[in-house]
Amino acid sequence: MLSVEDDASLSWLFQTLRMRNPEMDHVRVIMTDKGIKERQVLCRCFPNSSLLLCLFHTLRTFLREITCEKLSISTRQRSLSLELLQKLAYASMNRCTIHYMHSSQEMYHRQS
């Protein structure tokens, strides 16, 4: 859409969309990727909306950032960490999930 994705260009884009489509004032949830700059501009342009990070990008970031080298962990710890994070990412937040998180932390520390 834009040749340059700087703050001014993104602000112009979102403000133009809002101006040409007044219904956008009713937007309450926006799904984004990991782009920090875009998220900051969206927060300013849609102050009454919540930003959600796309699950695909979240899981991809886990894979990229949770490495044995970066975190000085074993292959087993990495696998367990990725498994637990994926389960948490797909879980609905309720009492069972919170209990699962605590149980998983205990299991993780025993495996270390």
PDB file of N, CA and C in Angstrom:
ATOM      1  N   MET A   1       0.802  -1.184   0.000  1.00  0.00           N
ATOM      2  CA  MET A   1       0.000   0.000   0.000  1.00  0.00           C
ATOM      3  C   MET A   1       0.851   1.256   0.000  1.00  0.00           C
ATOM      4  N   LEU A   2       1.915   1.234   0.794  1.00  0.00           N
ATOM      5  CA  LEU A   2       2.781   2.397   0.926  1.00  0.00           C
ATOM      6  C   LEU A   2       4.188   2.042   0.474  1.00  0.00           C
ATOM      7  N   SER A   3       4.858   3.013  -0.146  1.00  0.00           N
ATOM      8  CA  SER A   3       6.249   2.750  -0.530  1.00  0.00           C
ATOM      9  C   SER A   3       7.185   2.933   0.661  1.00  0.00           C
ATOM     10  N   VAL A   4       6.770   3.763   1.622  1.00  0.00           N
ATOM     11  CA  VAL A   4       7.541   3.987   2.846  1.00  0.00           C
ATOM     12  C   VAL A   4       6.605   3.785   4.027  1.00  0.00           C
ATOM     13  N   GLU A   5       7.033   2.995   4.987  1.00  0.00           N
ATOM     14  CA  GLU A   5       6.181   2.729   6.149  1.00  0.00           C
ATOM     15  C   GLU A   5       6.726   3.448   7.383  1.00  0.00           C
ATOM     16  N   ASP A   6       6.884   4.755   7.253  1.00  0.00           N
ATOM     17  CA  ASP A   6       7.321   5.539   8.404  1.00  0.00           C
ATOM     18  C   ASP A   6       6.092   6.039   9.165  1.00  0.00           C
ATOM     19  N   ASP A   7       6.347   6.685  10.284  1.00  0.00           N
ATOM     20  CA  ASP A   7       5.271   7.151  11.159  1.00  0.00           C
ATOM     21  C   ASP A   7       4.284   8.048  10.410  1.00  0.00           C
ATOM     22  N   ALA A   8       4.806   9.010   9.656  1.00  0.00           N
ATOM     23  CA  ALA A   8       3.936   9.966   8.950  1.00  0.00           C
ATOM     24  C   ALA A   8       3.073   9.267   7.894  1.00  0.00           C
ATOM     25  N   SER A   9       3.668   8.365   7.135  1.00  0.00           N
ATOM     26  CA  SER A   9       2.924   7.664   6.083  1.00  0.00           C
ATOM     27  C   SER A   9       1.842   6.763   6.661  1.00  0.00           C
ATOM     28  N   LEU A  10       2.200   6.036   7.721  1.00  0.00           N
ATOM     29  CA  LEU A  10       1.217   5.162   8.349  1.00  0.00           C
ATOM     30  C   LEU A  10       0.085   5.962   8.978  1.00  0.00           C
ATOM     31  N   SER A  11       0.425   7.060   9.623  1.00  0.00           N
ATOM     32  CA  SER A  11      -0.612   7.917  10.210  1.00  0.00           C
ATOM     33  C   SER A  11      -1.549   8.439   9.127  1.00  0.00           C
ATOM     34  N   TRP A  12      -0.969   8.899   8.017  1.00  0.00           N
ATOM     35  CA  TRP A  12      -1.784   9.383   6.902  1.00  0.00           C
ATOM     36  C   TRP A  12      -2.720   8.282   6.408  1.00  0.00           C
ATOM     37  N   LEU A  13      -2.197   7.077   6.225  1.00  0.00           N
ATOM     38  CA  LEU A  13      -2.999   5.966   5.731  1.00  0.00           C
ATOM     39  C   LEU A  13      -4.183   5.681   6.651  1.00  0.00           C
ATOM     40  N   PHE A  14      -3.920   5.522   7.936  1.00  0.00           N
ATOM     41  CA  PHE A  14      -4.998   5.171   8.858  1.00  0.00           C
ATOM     42  C   PHE A  14      -5.992   6.311   9.047  1.00  0.00           C
ATOM     43  N   GLN A  15      -5.515   7.552   9.054  1.00  0.00           N
ATOM     44  CA  GLN A  15      -6.427   8.685   9.178  1.00  0.00           C
ATOM     45  C   GLN A  15      -7.289   8.821   7.923  1.00  0.00           C
ATOM     46  N   THR A  16      -6.699   8.558   6.754  1.00  0.00           N
ATOM     47  CA  THR A  16      -7.459   8.607   5.500  1.00  0.00           C
ATOM     48  C   THR A  16      -8.528   7.515   5.484  1.00  0.00           C
ATOM     49  N   LEU A  17      -8.174   6.325   5.931  1.00  0.00           N
ATOM     50  CA  LEU A  17      -9.158   5.239   6.019  1.00  0.00           C
ATOM     51  C   LEU A  17     -10.306   5.621   6.945  1.00  0.00           C
ATOM     52  N   ARG A  18      -9.986   6.202   8.063  1.00  0.00           N
ATOM     53  CA  ARG A  18     -11.037   6.624   9.016  1.00  0.00           C
ATOM     54  C   ARG A  18     -11.909   7.725   8.427  1.00  0.00           C
ATOM     55  N   MET A  19     -11.277   8.678   7.747  1.00  0.00           N
ATOM     56  CA  MET A  19     -12.023   9.796   7.178  1.00  0.00           C
ATOM     57  C   MET A  19     -12.990   9.309   6.084  1.00  0.00           C
ATOM     58  N   ARG A  20     -12.550   8.369   5.271  1.00  0.00           N
ATOM     59  CA  ARG A  20     -13.373   7.890   4.164  1.00  0.00           C
ATOM     60  C   ARG A  20     -14.354   6.793   4.570  1.00  0.00           C
ATOM     61  N   ASN A  21     -14.159   6.259   5.768  1.00  0.00           N
ATOM     62  CA  ASN A  21     -15.053   5.219   6.260  1.00  0.00           C
ATOM     63  C   ASN A  21     -15.345   5.491   7.734  1.00  0.00           C
ATOM     64  N   PRO A  22     -16.363   6.316   8.007  1.00  0.00           N
ATOM     65  CA  PRO A  22     -16.667   6.683   9.393  1.00  0.00           C
ATOM     66  C   PRO A  22     -16.966   5.489  10.304  1.00  0.00           C
ATOM     67  N   GLU A  23     -17.351   4.371   9.734  1.00  0.00           N
ATOM     68  CA  GLU A  23     -17.619   3.183  10.545  1.00  0.00           C
ATOM     69  C   GLU A  23     -16.357   2.664  11.236  1.00  0.00           C
ATOM     70  N   MET A  24     -15.216   3.067  10.739  1.00  0.00           N
ATOM     71  CA  MET A  24     -13.958   2.619  11.359  1.00  0.00           C
ATOM     72  C   MET A  24     -13.803   3.174  12.775  1.00  0.00           C
ATOM     73  N   ASP A  25     -14.574   4.207  13.105  1.00  0.00           N
ATOM     74  CA  ASP A  25     -14.545   4.719  14.478  1.00  0.00           C
ATOM     75  C   ASP A  25     -15.088   3.694  15.466  1.00  0.00           C
ATOM     76  N   HIS A  26     -15.788   2.680  14.949  1.00  0.00           N
ATOM     77  CA  HIS A  26     -16.377   1.649  15.808  1.00  0.00           C
ATOM     78  C   HIS A  26     -15.491   0.408  15.937  1.00  0.00           C
ATOM     79  N   VAL A  27     -14.334   0.438  15.293  1.00  0.00           N
ATOM     80  CA  VAL A  27     -13.412  -0.696  15.373  1.00  0.00           C
ATOM     81  C   VAL A  27     -12.916  -0.816  16.814  1.00  0.00           C
ATOM     82  N   ARG A  28     -13.017  -2.021  17.377  1.00  0.00           N
ATOM     83  CA  ARG A  28     -12.602  -2.236  18.763  1.00  0.00           C
ATOM     84  C   ARG A  28     -11.410  -3.174  18.897  1.00  0.00           C
ATOM     85  N   VAL A  29     -11.174  -3.998  17.868  1.00  0.00           N
ATOM     86  CA  VAL A  29     -10.063  -4.946  17.918  1.00  0.00           C
ATOM     87  C   VAL A  29      -9.360  -4.936  16.567  1.00  0.00           C
ATOM     88  N   ILE A  30      -8.034  -4.878  16.613  1.00  0.00           N
ATOM     89  CA  ILE A  30      -7.235  -4.887  15.390  1.00  0.00           C
ATOM     90  C   ILE A  30      -6.185  -5.980  15.528  1.00  0.00           C
ATOM     91  N   MET A  31      -6.115  -6.878  14.541  1.00  0.00           N
ATOM     92  CA  MET A  31      -5.117  -7.941  14.509  1.00  0.00           C
ATOM     93  C   MET A  31      -3.907  -7.428  13.746  1.00  0.00           C
ATOM     94  N   THR A  32      -2.733  -7.542  14.348  1.00  0.00           N
ATOM     95  CA  THR A  32      -1.519  -7.019  13.725  1.00  0.00           C
ATOM     96  C   THR A  32      -0.437  -8.087  13.656  1.00  0.00           C
ATOM     97  N   ASP A  33       0.607  -7.746  12.899  1.00  0.00           N
ATOM     98  CA  ASP A  33       1.808  -8.561  12.979  1.00  0.00           C
ATOM     99  C   ASP A  33       2.709  -7.913  14.024  1.00  0.00           C
ATOM    100  N   LYS A  34       3.973  -8.232  14.014  1.00  0.00           N
ATOM    101  CA  LYS A  34       4.852  -7.780  15.088  1.00  0.00           C
ATOM    102  C   LYS A  34       5.422  -6.375  14.882  1.00  0.00           C
ATOM    103  N   GLY A  35       5.054  -5.691  13.825  1.00  0.00           N
ATOM    104  CA  GLY A  35       5.617  -4.370  13.528  1.00  0.00           C
ATOM    105  C   GLY A  35       5.322  -3.351  14.612  1.00  0.00           C
ATOM    106  N   ILE A  36       6.347  -2.971  15.352  1.00  0.00           N
ATOM    107  CA  ILE A  36       6.198  -2.046  16.474  1.00  0.00           C
ATOM    108  C   ILE A  36       5.718  -0.680  15.994  1.00  0.00           C
ATOM    109  N   LYS A  37       6.294  -0.184  14.920  1.00  0.00           N
ATOM    110  CA  LYS A  37       5.931   1.144  14.417  1.00  0.00           C
ATOM    111  C   LYS A  37       4.443   1.178  14.041  1.00  0.00           C
ATOM    112  N   GLU A  38       3.988   0.150  13.317  1.00  0.00           N
ATOM    113  CA  GLU A  38       2.576   0.100  12.926  1.00  0.00           C
ATOM    114  C   GLU A  38       1.672   0.034  14.151  1.00  0.00           C
ATOM    115  N   ARG A  39       2.075  -0.750  15.133  1.00  0.00           N
ATOM    116  CA  ARG A  39       1.266  -0.879  16.349  1.00  0.00           C
ATOM    117  C   ARG A  39       1.173   0.458  17.089  1.00  0.00           C
ATOM    118  N   GLN A  40       2.262   1.198  17.136  1.00  0.00           N
ATOM    119  CA  GLN A  40       2.239   2.501  17.807  1.00  0.00           C
ATOM    120  C   GLN A  40       1.299   3.474  17.089  1.00  0.00           C
ATOM    121  N   VAL A  41       1.370   3.497  15.765  1.00  0.00           N
ATOM    122  CA  VAL A  41       0.503   4.395  14.991  1.00  0.00           C
ATOM    123  C   VAL A  41      -0.949   3.963  15.138  1.00  0.00           C
ATOM    124  N   LEU A  42      -1.218   2.669  15.093  1.00  0.00           N
ATOM    125  CA  LEU A  42      -2.591   2.184  15.269  1.00  0.00           C
ATOM    126  C   LEU A  42      -3.148   2.590  16.632  1.00  0.00           C
ATOM    127  N   CYS A  43      -2.319   2.520  17.667  1.00  0.00           N
ATOM    128  CA  CYS A  43      -2.765   2.934  19.003  1.00  0.00           C
ATOM    129  C   CYS A  43      -3.173   4.402  19.016  1.00  0.00           C
ATOM    130  N   ARG A  44      -2.417   5.227  18.323  1.00  0.00           N
ATOM    131  CA  ARG A  44      -2.759   6.648  18.268  1.00  0.00           C
ATOM    132  C   ARG A  44      -4.000   6.898  17.415  1.00  0.00           C
ATOM    133  N   CYS A  45      -4.115   6.203  16.292  1.00  0.00           N
ATOM    134  CA  CYS A  45      -5.228   6.447  15.366  1.00  0.00           C
ATOM    135  C   CYS A  45      -6.535   5.798  15.823  1.00  0.00           C
ATOM    136  N   PHE A  46      -6.429   4.727  16.580  1.00  0.00           N
ATOM    137  CA  PHE A  46      -7.605   4.007  17.075  1.00  0.00           C
ATOM    138  C   PHE A  46      -7.471   3.821  18.590  1.00  0.00           C
ATOM    139  N   PRO A  47      -7.566   4.905  19.347  1.00  0.00           N
ATOM    140  CA  PRO A  47      -7.301   4.831  20.786  1.00  0.00           C
ATOM    141  C   PRO A  47      -8.286   3.966  21.572  1.00  0.00           C
ATOM    142  N   ASN A  48      -9.458   3.712  21.015  1.00  0.00           N
ATOM    143  CA  ASN A  48     -10.454   2.897  21.726  1.00  0.00           C
ATOM    144  C   ASN A  48     -10.404   1.428  21.311  1.00  0.00           C
ATOM    145  N   SER A  49      -9.387   1.066  20.561  1.00  0.00           N
ATOM    146  CA  SER A  49      -9.273  -0.308  20.073  1.00  0.00           C
ATOM    147  C   SER A  49      -8.160  -1.055  20.796  1.00  0.00           C
ATOM    148  N   SER A  50      -8.328  -2.364  20.872  1.00  0.00           N
ATOM    149  CA  SER A  50      -7.285  -3.242  21.409  1.00  0.00           C
ATOM    150  C   SER A  50      -6.513  -3.832  20.246  1.00  0.00           C
ATOM    151  N   LEU A  51      -5.212  -3.962  20.401  1.00  0.00           N
ATOM    152  CA  LEU A  51      -4.386  -4.590  19.378  1.00  0.00           C
ATOM    153  C   LEU A  51      -4.051  -6.007  19.819  1.00  0.00           C
ATOM    154  N   LEU A  52      -4.282  -6.943  18.930  1.00  0.00           N
ATOM    155  CA  LEU A  52      -3.938  -8.338  19.192  1.00  0.00           C
ATOM    156  C   LEU A  52      -2.831  -8.750  18.241  1.00  0.00           C
ATOM    157  N   LEU A  53      -1.889  -9.486  18.752  1.00  0.00           N
ATOM    158  CA  LEU A  53      -0.797  -9.978  17.927  1.00  0.00           C
ATOM    159  C   LEU A  53      -1.212 -11.298  17.289  1.00  0.00           C
ATOM    160  N   CYS A  54      -1.015 -11.414  16.015  1.00  0.00           N
ATOM    161  CA  CYS A  54      -1.375 -12.610  15.257  1.00  0.00           C
ATOM    162  C   CYS A  54      -0.678 -13.849  15.849  1.00  0.00           C
ATOM    163  N   LEU A  55      -1.453 -14.903  16.035  1.00  0.00           N
ATOM    164  CA  LEU A  55      -0.915 -16.135  16.620  1.00  0.00           C
ATOM    165  C   LEU A  55       0.215 -16.710  15.773  1.00  0.00           C
ATOM    166  N   PHE A  56       0.076 -16.667  14.465  1.00  0.00           N
ATOM    167  CA  PHE A  56       1.125 -17.169  13.578  1.00  0.00           C
ATOM    168  C   PHE A  56       2.448 -16.466  13.869  1.00  0.00           C
ATOM    169  N   HIS A  57       2.416 -15.135  13.953  1.00  0.00           N
ATOM    170  CA  HIS A  57       3.637 -14.375  14.209  1.00  0.00           C
ATOM    171  C   HIS A  57       4.179 -14.636  15.614  1.00  0.00           C
ATOM    172  N   THR A  58       3.287 -14.821  16.552  1.00  0.00           N
ATOM    173  CA  THR A  58       3.707 -15.120  17.922  1.00  0.00           C
ATOM    174  C   THR A  58       4.477 -16.436  17.963  1.00  0.00           C
ATOM    175  N   LEU A  59       3.906 -17.475  17.368  1.00  0.00           N
ATOM    176  CA  LEU A  59       4.562 -18.783  17.377  1.00  0.00           C
ATOM    177  C   LEU A  59       5.865 -18.758  16.590  1.00  0.00           C
ATOM    178  N   ARG A  60       5.887 -18.030  15.499  1.00  0.00           N
ATOM    179  CA  ARG A  60       7.108 -17.924  14.697  1.00  0.00           C
ATOM    180  C   ARG A  60       8.210 -17.218  15.490  1.00  0.00           C
ATOM    181  N   THR A  61       7.832 -16.207  16.261  1.00  0.00           N
ATOM    182  CA  THR A  61       8.804 -15.505  17.097  1.00  0.00           C
ATOM    183  C   THR A  61       9.359 -16.439  18.168  1.00  0.00           C
ATOM    184  N   PHE A  62       8.483 -17.250  18.771  1.00  0.00           N
ATOM    185  CA  PHE A  62       8.961 -18.224  19.759  1.00  0.00           C
ATOM    186  C   PHE A  62      10.028 -19.127  19.133  1.00  0.00           C
ATOM    187  N   LEU A  63       9.758 -19.642  17.942  1.00  0.00           N
ATOM    188  CA  LEU A  63      10.707 -20.540  17.279  1.00  0.00           C
ATOM    189  C   LEU A  63      12.044 -19.850  17.016  1.00  0.00           C
ATOM    190  N   ARG A  64      11.967 -18.598  16.612  1.00  0.00           N
ATOM    191  CA  ARG A  64      13.180 -17.859  16.277  1.00  0.00           C
ATOM    192  C   ARG A  64      13.979 -17.450  17.517  1.00  0.00           C
ATOM    193  N   GLU A  65      13.294 -17.059  18.569  1.00  0.00           N
ATOM    194  CA  GLU A  65      13.978 -16.486  19.729  1.00  0.00           C
ATOM    195  C   GLU A  65      14.353 -17.499  20.802  1.00  0.00           C
ATOM    196  N   ILE A  66      13.642 -18.600  20.864  1.00  0.00           N
ATOM    197  CA  ILE A  66      13.958 -19.600  21.888  1.00  0.00           C
ATOM    198  C   ILE A  66      14.901 -20.630  21.267  1.00  0.00           C
ATOM    199  N   THR A  67      16.176 -20.339  21.419  1.00  0.00           N
ATOM    200  CA  THR A  67      17.197 -21.229  20.876  1.00  0.00           C
ATOM    201  C   THR A  67      18.152 -21.626  22.000  1.00  0.00           C
ATOM    202  N   CYS A  68      18.792 -22.738  21.782  1.00  0.00           N
ATOM    203  CA  CYS A  68      19.768 -23.220  22.769  1.00  0.00           C
ATOM    204  C   CYS A  68      20.901 -22.213  22.926  1.00  0.00           C
ATOM    205  N   GLU A  69      21.334 -21.626  21.812  1.00  0.00           N
ATOM    206  CA  GLU A  69      22.449 -20.689  21.838  1.00  0.00           C
ATOM    207  C   GLU A  69      22.078 -19.388  22.544  1.00  0.00           C
ATOM    208  N   LYS A  70      20.947 -18.816  22.173  1.00  0.00           N
ATOM    209  CA  LYS A  70      20.554 -17.519  22.748  1.00  0.00           C
ATOM    210  C   LYS A  70      20.269 -17.600  24.246  1.00  0.00           C
ATOM    211  N   LEU A  71      19.691 -18.714  24.674  1.00  0.00           N
ATOM    212  CA  LEU A  71      19.254 -18.821  26.069  1.00  0.00           C
ATOM    213  C   LEU A  71      20.118 -19.759  26.911  1.00  0.00           C
ATOM    214  N   SER A  72      21.133 -20.328  26.298  1.00  0.00           N
ATOM    215  CA  SER A  72      22.012 -21.289  26.996  1.00  0.00           C
ATOM    216  C   SER A  72      21.193 -22.386  27.672  1.00  0.00           C
ATOM    217  N   ILE A  73      20.330 -23.009  26.877  1.00  0.00           N
ATOM    218  CA  ILE A  73      19.503 -24.107  27.381  1.00  0.00           C
ATOM    219  C   ILE A  73      19.763 -25.353  26.548  1.00  0.00           C
ATOM    220  N   SER A  74      19.367 -26.483  27.086  1.00  0.00           N
ATOM    221  CA  SER A  74      19.558 -27.750  26.374  1.00  0.00           C
ATOM    222  C   SER A  74      18.487 -27.902  25.293  1.00  0.00           C
ATOM    223  N   THR A  75      18.719 -28.843  24.394  1.00  0.00           N
ATOM    224  CA  THR A  75      17.742 -29.136  23.348  1.00  0.00           C
ATOM    225  C   THR A  75      16.426 -29.586  23.973  1.00  0.00           C
ATOM    226  N   ARG A  76      16.517 -30.368  25.025  1.00  0.00           N
ATOM    227  CA  ARG A  76      15.319 -30.835  25.745  1.00  0.00           C
ATOM    228  C   ARG A  76      14.539 -29.653  26.341  1.00  0.00           C
ATOM    229  N   GLN A  77      15.257 -28.717  26.957  1.00  0.00           N
ATOM    230  CA  GLN A  77      14.590 -27.543  27.535  1.00  0.00           C
ATOM    231  C   GLN A  77      13.940 -26.695  26.449  1.00  0.00           C
ATOM    232  N   ARG A  78      14.596 -26.567  25.305  1.00  0.00           N
ATOM    233  CA  ARG A  78      14.021 -25.794  24.202  1.00  0.00           C
ATOM    234  C   ARG A  78      12.732 -26.455  23.723  1.00  0.00           C
ATOM    235  N   SER A  79      12.776 -27.759  23.500  1.00  0.00           N
ATOM    236  CA  SER A  79      11.585 -28.479  23.031  1.00  0.00           C
ATOM    237  C   SER A  79      10.437 -28.343  24.019  1.00  0.00           C
ATOM    238  N   LEU A  80      10.745 -28.518  25.288  1.00  0.00           N
ATOM    239  CA  LEU A  80       9.723 -28.408  26.318  1.00  0.00           C
ATOM    240  C   LEU A  80       9.156 -26.988  26.373  1.00  0.00           C
ATOM    241  N   SER A  81      10.033 -26.003  26.289  1.00  0.00           N
ATOM    242  CA  SER A  81       9.591 -24.604  26.317  1.00  0.00           C
ATOM    243  C   SER A  81       8.670 -24.297  25.148  1.00  0.00           C
ATOM    244  N   LEU A  82       9.056 -24.712  23.956  1.00  0.00           N
ATOM    245  CA  LEU A  82       8.230 -24.448  22.769  1.00  0.00           C
ATOM    246  C   LEU A  82       6.884 -25.167  22.865  1.00  0.00           C
ATOM    247  N   GLU A  83       6.906 -26.381  23.378  1.00  0.00           N
ATOM    248  CA  GLU A  83       5.662 -27.136  23.555  1.00  0.00           C
ATOM    249  C   GLU A  83       4.729 -26.417  24.536  1.00  0.00           C
ATOM    250  N   LEU A  84       5.275 -25.988  25.659  1.00  0.00           N
ATOM    251  CA  LEU A  84       4.455 -25.299  26.660  1.00  0.00           C
ATOM    252  C   LEU A  84       3.925 -23.970  26.135  1.00  0.00           C
ATOM    253  N   LEU A  85       4.752 -23.214  25.452  1.00  0.00           N
ATOM    254  CA  LEU A  85       4.306 -21.926  24.911  1.00  0.00           C
ATOM    255  C   LEU A  85       3.229 -22.104  23.849  1.00  0.00           C
ATOM    256  N   GLN A  86       3.357 -23.141  23.038  1.00  0.00           N
ATOM    257  CA  GLN A  86       2.323 -23.391  22.030  1.00  0.00           C
ATOM    258  C   GLN A  86       1.005 -23.769  22.700  1.00  0.00           C
ATOM    259  N   LYS A  87       1.069 -24.599  23.730  1.00  0.00           N
ATOM    260  CA  LYS A  87      -0.156 -24.959  24.450  1.00  0.00           C
ATOM    261  C   LYS A  87      -0.791 -23.733  25.088  1.00  0.00           C
ATOM    262  N   LEU A  88       0.024 -22.871  25.671  1.00  0.00           N
ATOM    263  CA  LEU A  88      -0.505 -21.645  26.279  1.00  0.00           C
ATOM    264  C   LEU A  88      -1.089 -20.709  25.222  1.00  0.00           C
ATOM    265  N   ALA A  89      -0.445 -20.634  24.067  1.00  0.00           N
ATOM    266  CA  ALA A  89      -0.934 -19.749  23.007  1.00  0.00           C
ATOM    267  C   ALA A  89      -2.308 -20.178  22.514  1.00  0.00           C
ATOM    268  N   TYR A  90      -2.575 -21.474  22.505  1.00  0.00           N
ATOM    269  CA  TYR A  90      -3.857 -21.981  22.024  1.00  0.00           C
ATOM    270  C   TYR A  90      -4.898 -22.128  23.134  1.00  0.00           C
ATOM    271  N   ALA A  91      -4.480 -21.965  24.363  1.00  0.00           N
ATOM    272  CA  ALA A  91      -5.392 -22.170  25.496  1.00  0.00           C
ATOM    273  C   ALA A  91      -6.266 -20.944  25.724  1.00  0.00           C
ATOM    274  N   SER A  92      -7.458 -21.187  26.265  1.00  0.00           N
ATOM    275  CA  SER A  92      -8.272 -20.067  26.729  1.00  0.00           C
ATOM    276  C   SER A  92      -7.846 -19.791  28.165  1.00  0.00           C
ATOM    277  N   MET A  93      -7.826 -18.535  28.543  1.00  0.00           N
ATOM    278  CA  MET A  93      -7.340 -18.179  29.876  1.00  0.00           C
ATOM    279  C   MET A  93      -8.455 -18.407  30.891  1.00  0.00           C
ATOM    280  N   ASN A  94      -8.284 -19.404  31.669  1.00  0.00           N
ATOM    281  CA  ASN A  94      -9.223 -19.699  32.743  1.00  0.00           C
ATOM    282  C   ASN A  94      -8.437 -20.335  33.885  1.00  0.00           C
ATOM    283  N   ARG A  95      -9.135 -20.771  34.898  1.00  0.00           N
ATOM    284  CA  ARG A  95      -8.469 -21.346  36.061  1.00  0.00           C
ATOM    285  C   ARG A  95      -7.632 -22.564  35.707  1.00  0.00           C
ATOM    286  N   CYS A  96      -8.132 -23.397  34.801  1.00  0.00           N
ATOM    287  CA  CYS A  96      -7.385 -24.598  34.410  1.00  0.00           C
ATOM    288  C   CYS A  96      -6.079 -24.214  33.729  1.00  0.00           C
ATOM    289  N   THR A  97      -6.125 -23.187  32.894  1.00  0.00           N
ATOM    290  CA  THR A  97      -4.917 -22.749  32.208  1.00  0.00           C
ATOM    291  C   THR A  97      -3.897 -22.228  33.199  1.00  0.00           C
ATOM    292  N   ILE A  98      -4.342 -21.436  34.146  1.00  0.00           N
ATOM    293  CA  ILE A  98      -3.430 -20.891  35.143  1.00  0.00           C
ATOM    294  C   ILE A  98      -2.812 -22.032  35.952  1.00  0.00           C
ATOM    295  N   HIS A  99      -3.626 -23.030  36.318  1.00  0.00           N
ATOM    296  CA  HIS A  99      -3.113 -24.198  37.027  1.00  0.00           C
ATOM    297  C   HIS A  99      -2.091 -24.924  36.149  1.00  0.00           C
ATOM    298  N   TYR A 100      -2.394 -25.071  34.868  1.00  0.00           N
ATOM    299  CA  TYR A 100      -1.493 -25.742  33.938  1.00  0.00           C
ATOM    300  C   TYR A 100      -0.164 -24.992  33.853  1.00  0.00           C
ATOM    301  N   MET A 101      -0.228 -23.659  33.838  1.00  0.00           N
ATOM    302  CA  MET A 101       0.995 -22.865  33.772  1.00  0.00           C
ATOM    303  C   MET A 101       1.885 -23.149  34.976  1.00  0.00           C
ATOM    304  N   HIS A 102       1.297 -23.172  36.164  1.00  0.00           N
ATOM    305  CA  HIS A 102       2.077 -23.430  37.368  1.00  0.00           C
ATOM    306  C   HIS A 102       2.637 -24.851  37.359  1.00  0.00           C
ATOM    307  N   SER A 103       1.831 -25.816  36.947  1.00  0.00           N
ATOM    308  CA  SER A 103       2.297 -27.205  36.888  1.00  0.00           C
ATOM    309  C   SER A 103       3.424 -27.346  35.875  1.00  0.00           C
ATOM    310  N   SER A 104       3.288 -26.653  34.749  1.00  0.00           N
ATOM    311  CA  SER A 104       4.303 -26.726  33.707  1.00  0.00           C
ATOM    312  C   SER A 104       5.611 -26.121  34.176  1.00  0.00           C
ATOM    313  N   GLN A 105       5.545 -25.034  34.919  1.00  0.00           N
ATOM    314  CA  GLN A 105       6.763 -24.421  35.443  1.00  0.00           C
ATOM    315  C   GLN A 105       7.483 -25.388  36.373  1.00  0.00           C
ATOM    316  N   GLU A 106       6.735 -26.059  37.219  1.00  0.00           N
ATOM    317  CA  GLU A 106       7.349 -27.026  38.128  1.00  0.00           C
ATOM    318  C   GLU A 106       7.992 -28.160  37.342  1.00  0.00           C
ATOM    319  N   MET A 107       7.282 -28.661  36.300  1.00  0.00           N
ATOM    320  CA  MET A 107       7.807 -29.742  35.487  1.00  0.00           C
ATOM    321  C   MET A 107       9.081 -29.278  34.756  1.00  0.00           C
ATOM    322  N   TYR A 108       9.074 -28.051  34.256  1.00  0.00           N
ATOM    323  CA  TYR A 108      10.219 -27.511  33.542  1.00  0.00           C
ATOM    324  C   TYR A 108      11.441 -27.470  34.452  1.00  0.00           C
ATOM    325  N   HIS A 109      11.257 -27.003  35.664  1.00  0.00           N
ATOM    326  CA  HIS A 109      12.382 -26.905  36.594  1.00  0.00           C
ATOM    327  C   HIS A 109      12.910 -28.287  36.982  1.00  0.00           C
ATOM    328  N   ARG A 110      12.032 -29.276  37.049  1.00  0.00           N
ATOM    329  CA  ARG A 110      12.492 -30.647  37.345  1.00  0.00           C
ATOM    330  C   ARG A 110      13.302 -31.209  36.190  1.00  0.00           C
ATOM    331  N   GLN A 111      12.949 -30.815  34.936  1.00  0.00           N
ATOM    332  CA  GLN A 111      13.650 -31.328  33.758  1.00  0.00           C
ATOM    333  C   GLN A 111      15.013 -30.659  33.571  1.00  0.00           C
ATOM    334  N   SER A 112      15.212 -29.496  34.172  1.00  0.00           N
ATOM    335  CA  SER A 112      16.458 -28.726  33.970  1.00  0.00           C
ATOM    336  C   SER A 112      17.666 -29.430  34.536  1.00  0.00           C
TER     337      SER A 112
END
